[in-house]
């Protein structure tokens, strides 16, 4: 991100974060492209830390299949960023 002292980081409302999560889960959408098309934000670098934490507490991008998943679907058997389904496939 190029520093711009006049630019304030965007803090999405609770409703906007919920909509973002609803739109992403079950897809392979690129987060930066989604933000740009939906909120006119060029990348995650322009989101506030609170907004990023809200997103990270709820969803993650599976490193194996590339799909957005709810955090409760994250594998608990030693694989940090893969979903339960991919973990089962790797066993």
N, C-alpha and C. Protein backbone atom coordinates (compact mmCIF):
# COMPACT_ATOMS: atom_id res chain seq x y z
N UNK A 1 0.84 -1.18 0.00
CA UNK A 1 0.00 0.00 0.00
C UNK A 1 0.88 1.23 0.00
N UNK A 2 0.59 2.16 -0.85
CA UNK A 2 1.30 3.43 -0.88
C UNK A 2 0.69 4.31 0.18
N UNK A 3 1.52 4.87 1.02
CA UNK A 3 1.01 5.69 2.12
C UNK A 3 0.39 6.97 1.58
N UNK A 4 -0.78 7.25 2.04
CA UNK A 4 -1.49 8.47 1.68
C UNK A 4 -2.03 9.06 2.97
N UNK A 5 -1.43 10.16 3.41
CA UNK A 5 -1.80 10.72 4.72
C UNK A 5 -3.23 11.22 4.76
N UNK A 6 -3.85 11.47 3.60
CA UNK A 6 -5.23 11.96 3.57
C UNK A 6 -6.25 10.82 3.55
N UNK A 7 -5.79 9.59 3.40
CA UNK A 7 -6.70 8.46 3.29
C UNK A 7 -6.91 7.82 4.65
N UNK A 8 -8.16 7.66 5.02
CA UNK A 8 -8.48 6.97 6.27
C UNK A 8 -8.83 5.53 5.96
N UNK A 9 -8.41 4.64 6.84
CA UNK A 9 -8.75 3.24 6.66
C UNK A 9 -10.25 3.06 6.80
N UNK A 10 -10.78 2.17 6.02
CA UNK A 10 -12.22 1.94 6.00
C UNK A 10 -12.61 0.96 7.10
N UNK A 11 -13.56 1.36 7.90
CA UNK A 11 -14.12 0.46 8.90
C UNK A 11 -15.51 0.08 8.42
N UNK A 12 -15.68 -1.19 8.06
CA UNK A 12 -16.98 -1.65 7.60
C UNK A 12 -17.92 -1.79 8.78
N UNK A 13 -19.17 -1.51 8.55
CA UNK A 13 -20.17 -1.70 9.61
C UNK A 13 -20.38 -3.19 9.84
N UNK A 14 -21.03 -3.51 10.93
CA UNK A 14 -21.33 -4.92 11.24
C UNK A 14 -22.14 -5.55 10.12
N UNK A 15 -23.12 -4.81 9.60
CA UNK A 15 -23.94 -5.31 8.50
C UNK A 15 -23.11 -5.55 7.24
N UNK A 16 -22.18 -4.65 6.96
CA UNK A 16 -21.33 -4.79 5.78
C UNK A 16 -20.41 -6.01 5.91
N UNK A 17 -19.86 -6.23 7.11
CA UNK A 17 -19.01 -7.40 7.34
C UNK A 17 -19.84 -8.67 7.17
N UNK A 18 -21.06 -8.68 7.71
CA UNK A 18 -21.94 -9.84 7.55
C UNK A 18 -22.24 -10.11 6.09
N UNK A 19 -22.47 -9.05 5.31
CA UNK A 19 -22.74 -9.20 3.88
C UNK A 19 -21.51 -9.73 3.16
N UNK A 20 -20.34 -9.21 3.49
CA UNK A 20 -19.09 -9.67 2.90
C UNK A 20 -18.91 -11.16 3.16
N UNK A 21 -19.11 -11.58 4.40
CA UNK A 21 -18.97 -12.98 4.77
C UNK A 21 -19.98 -13.84 4.01
N UNK A 22 -21.22 -13.40 3.96
CA UNK A 22 -22.27 -14.13 3.24
C UNK A 22 -21.91 -14.29 1.76
N UNK A 23 -21.38 -13.22 1.18
CA UNK A 23 -21.03 -13.25 -0.24
C UNK A 23 -19.82 -14.13 -0.54
N UNK A 24 -18.86 -14.21 0.40
CA UNK A 24 -17.62 -14.94 0.13
C UNK A 24 -17.70 -16.44 0.45
N UNK A 25 -18.37 -16.82 1.54
CA UNK A 25 -18.37 -18.22 1.95
C UNK A 25 -18.92 -19.11 0.84
N UNK A 26 -18.18 -20.17 0.55
CA UNK A 26 -18.59 -21.11 -0.49
C UNK A 26 -18.18 -20.68 -1.88
N UNK A 27 -17.30 -19.68 -1.96
CA UNK A 27 -16.81 -19.22 -3.26
C UNK A 27 -15.29 -19.22 -3.25
N UNK A 28 -14.72 -18.95 -4.41
CA UNK A 28 -13.27 -18.78 -4.53
C UNK A 28 -12.94 -17.34 -4.92
N UNK A 29 -13.86 -16.43 -4.61
CA UNK A 29 -13.67 -15.03 -4.98
C UNK A 29 -12.39 -14.46 -4.37
N UNK A 30 -11.73 -13.58 -5.11
CA UNK A 30 -10.57 -12.87 -4.62
C UNK A 30 -11.06 -11.73 -3.74
N UNK A 31 -10.55 -11.65 -2.51
CA UNK A 31 -11.03 -10.64 -1.57
C UNK A 31 -10.79 -9.22 -2.07
N UNK A 32 -9.63 -8.96 -2.63
CA UNK A 32 -9.35 -7.61 -3.14
C UNK A 32 -10.32 -7.22 -4.25
N UNK A 33 -10.59 -8.15 -5.17
CA UNK A 33 -11.53 -7.86 -6.26
C UNK A 33 -12.93 -7.63 -5.70
N UNK A 34 -13.33 -8.42 -4.72
CA UNK A 34 -14.64 -8.25 -4.10
C UNK A 34 -14.74 -6.87 -3.45
N UNK A 35 -13.72 -6.49 -2.69
CA UNK A 35 -13.74 -5.19 -2.01
C UNK A 35 -13.82 -4.05 -3.01
N UNK A 36 -13.06 -4.17 -4.09
CA UNK A 36 -13.07 -3.10 -5.08
C UNK A 36 -14.43 -2.98 -5.77
N UNK A 37 -15.02 -4.11 -6.13
CA UNK A 37 -16.30 -4.05 -6.84
C UNK A 37 -17.47 -3.69 -5.93
N UNK A 38 -17.38 -4.05 -4.65
CA UNK A 38 -18.50 -3.84 -3.74
C UNK A 38 -18.39 -2.54 -2.95
N UNK A 39 -17.18 -2.23 -2.48
CA UNK A 39 -17.00 -1.07 -1.60
C UNK A 39 -16.08 0.00 -2.18
N UNK A 40 -15.61 -0.20 -3.40
CA UNK A 40 -14.68 0.72 -4.06
C UNK A 40 -13.41 0.90 -3.21
N UNK A 41 -12.95 -0.20 -2.63
CA UNK A 41 -11.73 -0.24 -1.82
C UNK A 41 -10.73 -1.08 -2.61
N UNK A 42 -9.54 -0.54 -2.93
CA UNK A 42 -8.61 -1.25 -3.81
C UNK A 42 -8.01 -2.55 -3.26
N UNK A 43 -7.91 -2.69 -1.93
CA UNK A 43 -7.35 -3.92 -1.37
C UNK A 43 -7.61 -3.97 0.13
N UNK A 44 -7.30 -5.13 0.72
CA UNK A 44 -7.47 -5.28 2.17
C UNK A 44 -6.57 -4.33 2.95
N UNK A 45 -5.54 -3.83 2.31
CA UNK A 45 -4.64 -2.87 2.97
C UNK A 45 -5.36 -1.61 3.41
N UNK A 46 -6.52 -1.35 2.84
CA UNK A 46 -7.27 -0.14 3.15
C UNK A 46 -8.36 -0.38 4.19
N UNK A 47 -8.45 -1.59 4.71
CA UNK A 47 -9.44 -1.89 5.74
C UNK A 47 -8.84 -1.68 7.12
N UNK A 48 -9.66 -1.25 8.04
CA UNK A 48 -9.19 -1.05 9.41
C UNK A 48 -8.85 -2.40 10.05
N UNK A 49 -8.01 -2.34 11.07
CA UNK A 49 -7.63 -3.56 11.77
C UNK A 49 -8.85 -4.25 12.40
N UNK A 50 -9.76 -3.44 12.93
CA UNK A 50 -10.98 -4.01 13.53
C UNK A 50 -11.80 -4.78 12.50
N UNK A 51 -11.93 -4.22 11.32
CA UNK A 51 -12.69 -4.88 10.26
C UNK A 51 -12.02 -6.19 9.86
N UNK A 52 -10.70 -6.16 9.71
CA UNK A 52 -9.98 -7.38 9.35
C UNK A 52 -10.12 -8.45 10.43
N UNK A 53 -10.07 -8.04 11.69
CA UNK A 53 -10.24 -8.99 12.78
C UNK A 53 -11.64 -9.60 12.78
N UNK A 54 -12.66 -8.77 12.48
CA UNK A 54 -14.03 -9.29 12.40
C UNK A 54 -14.15 -10.36 11.32
N UNK A 55 -13.52 -10.11 10.19
CA UNK A 55 -13.55 -11.07 9.09
C UNK A 55 -12.78 -12.33 9.48
N UNK A 56 -11.58 -12.15 10.01
CA UNK A 56 -10.72 -13.29 10.36
C UNK A 56 -11.31 -14.17 11.46
N UNK A 57 -12.12 -13.60 12.33
CA UNK A 57 -12.74 -14.40 13.39
C UNK A 57 -13.86 -15.28 12.86
N UNK A 58 -14.32 -15.00 11.66
CA UNK A 58 -15.51 -15.68 11.14
C UNK A 58 -15.23 -16.60 9.96
N UNK A 59 -14.34 -16.18 9.05
CA UNK A 59 -14.08 -16.98 7.85
C UNK A 59 -12.58 -17.07 7.58
N UNK A 60 -12.21 -18.06 6.74
CA UNK A 60 -10.83 -18.18 6.29
C UNK A 60 -10.84 -18.76 4.88
N UNK A 61 -9.73 -18.56 4.18
CA UNK A 61 -9.57 -19.09 2.83
C UNK A 61 -8.75 -20.37 2.93
N UNK A 62 -9.36 -21.49 2.57
CA UNK A 62 -8.69 -22.78 2.65
C UNK A 62 -7.50 -22.80 1.68
N UNK A 63 -6.33 -23.12 2.20
CA UNK A 63 -5.13 -23.14 1.37
C UNK A 63 -5.10 -24.32 0.40
N UNK A 64 -5.91 -25.32 0.66
CA UNK A 64 -5.91 -26.50 -0.20
C UNK A 64 -6.90 -26.36 -1.36
N UNK A 65 -8.16 -26.08 -1.07
CA UNK A 65 -9.17 -26.01 -2.13
C UNK A 65 -9.42 -24.60 -2.65
N UNK A 66 -9.02 -23.58 -1.87
CA UNK A 66 -9.19 -22.20 -2.31
C UNK A 66 -10.58 -21.63 -2.07
N UNK A 67 -11.41 -22.34 -1.30
CA UNK A 67 -12.76 -21.87 -1.01
C UNK A 67 -12.78 -21.12 0.32
N UNK A 68 -13.64 -20.11 0.43
CA UNK A 68 -13.86 -19.42 1.69
C UNK A 68 -14.76 -20.30 2.56
N UNK A 69 -14.36 -20.49 3.83
CA UNK A 69 -15.08 -21.36 4.74
C UNK A 69 -15.31 -20.65 6.07
N UNK A 70 -16.35 -21.07 6.78
CA UNK A 70 -16.54 -20.56 8.14
C UNK A 70 -15.44 -21.09 9.04
N UNK A 71 -15.07 -20.30 10.03
CA UNK A 71 -13.99 -20.68 10.93
C UNK A 71 -14.24 -22.02 11.60
N UNK A 72 -15.51 -22.33 11.91
CA UNK A 72 -15.79 -23.61 12.58
C UNK A 72 -15.55 -24.81 11.66
N UNK A 73 -15.34 -24.56 10.36
CA UNK A 73 -15.03 -25.63 9.42
C UNK A 73 -13.53 -25.82 9.23
N UNK A 74 -12.73 -25.07 10.00
CA UNK A 74 -11.27 -25.19 9.92
C UNK A 74 -10.86 -26.52 10.55
N UNK A 75 -9.94 -27.23 9.90
CA UNK A 75 -9.49 -28.51 10.41
C UNK A 75 -8.78 -28.36 11.74
N UNK A 76 -9.05 -29.29 12.64
CA UNK A 76 -8.43 -29.26 13.95
C UNK A 76 -7.35 -30.32 14.11
N UNK A 77 -6.97 -30.98 13.04
CA UNK A 77 -5.99 -32.05 13.17
C UNK A 77 -4.60 -31.63 12.70
N UNK A 78 -4.18 -30.45 13.09
CA UNK A 78 -2.82 -30.01 12.79
C UNK A 78 -2.67 -29.15 11.55
N UNK A 79 -3.68 -29.07 10.74
CA UNK A 79 -3.62 -28.23 9.54
C UNK A 79 -4.25 -26.89 9.88
N UNK A 80 -3.46 -25.84 9.84
CA UNK A 80 -3.97 -24.56 10.32
C UNK A 80 -4.99 -23.92 9.40
N UNK A 81 -4.71 -23.88 8.12
CA UNK A 81 -5.59 -23.14 7.22
C UNK A 81 -6.20 -24.00 6.12
N UNK A 82 -6.68 -25.18 6.50
CA UNK A 82 -7.44 -25.97 5.54
C UNK A 82 -8.75 -26.40 6.19
N UNK A 83 -9.73 -26.61 5.36
CA UNK A 83 -11.04 -26.99 5.86
C UNK A 83 -11.10 -28.46 6.24
N UNK A 84 -12.10 -28.83 7.00
CA UNK A 84 -12.28 -30.22 7.43
C UNK A 84 -12.33 -31.17 6.24
N UNK A 85 -13.02 -30.76 5.19
CA UNK A 85 -13.18 -31.62 4.02
C UNK A 85 -11.82 -31.92 3.36
N UNK A 86 -10.97 -30.92 3.24
CA UNK A 86 -9.64 -31.13 2.64
C UNK A 86 -8.77 -31.96 3.56
N UNK A 87 -8.90 -31.77 4.87
CA UNK A 87 -8.13 -32.55 5.83
C UNK A 87 -8.49 -34.03 5.72
N UNK A 88 -9.78 -34.32 5.53
CA UNK A 88 -10.21 -35.70 5.36
C UNK A 88 -9.63 -36.31 4.09
N UNK A 89 -9.55 -35.49 3.02
CA UNK A 89 -8.99 -35.97 1.75
C UNK A 89 -7.52 -36.27 1.87
N UNK A 90 -6.82 -35.56 2.75
CA UNK A 90 -5.37 -35.76 2.88
C UNK A 90 -5.03 -36.93 3.78
N UNK A 91 -6.01 -37.47 4.51
CA UNK A 91 -5.73 -38.61 5.41
C UNK A 91 -5.68 -39.90 4.64
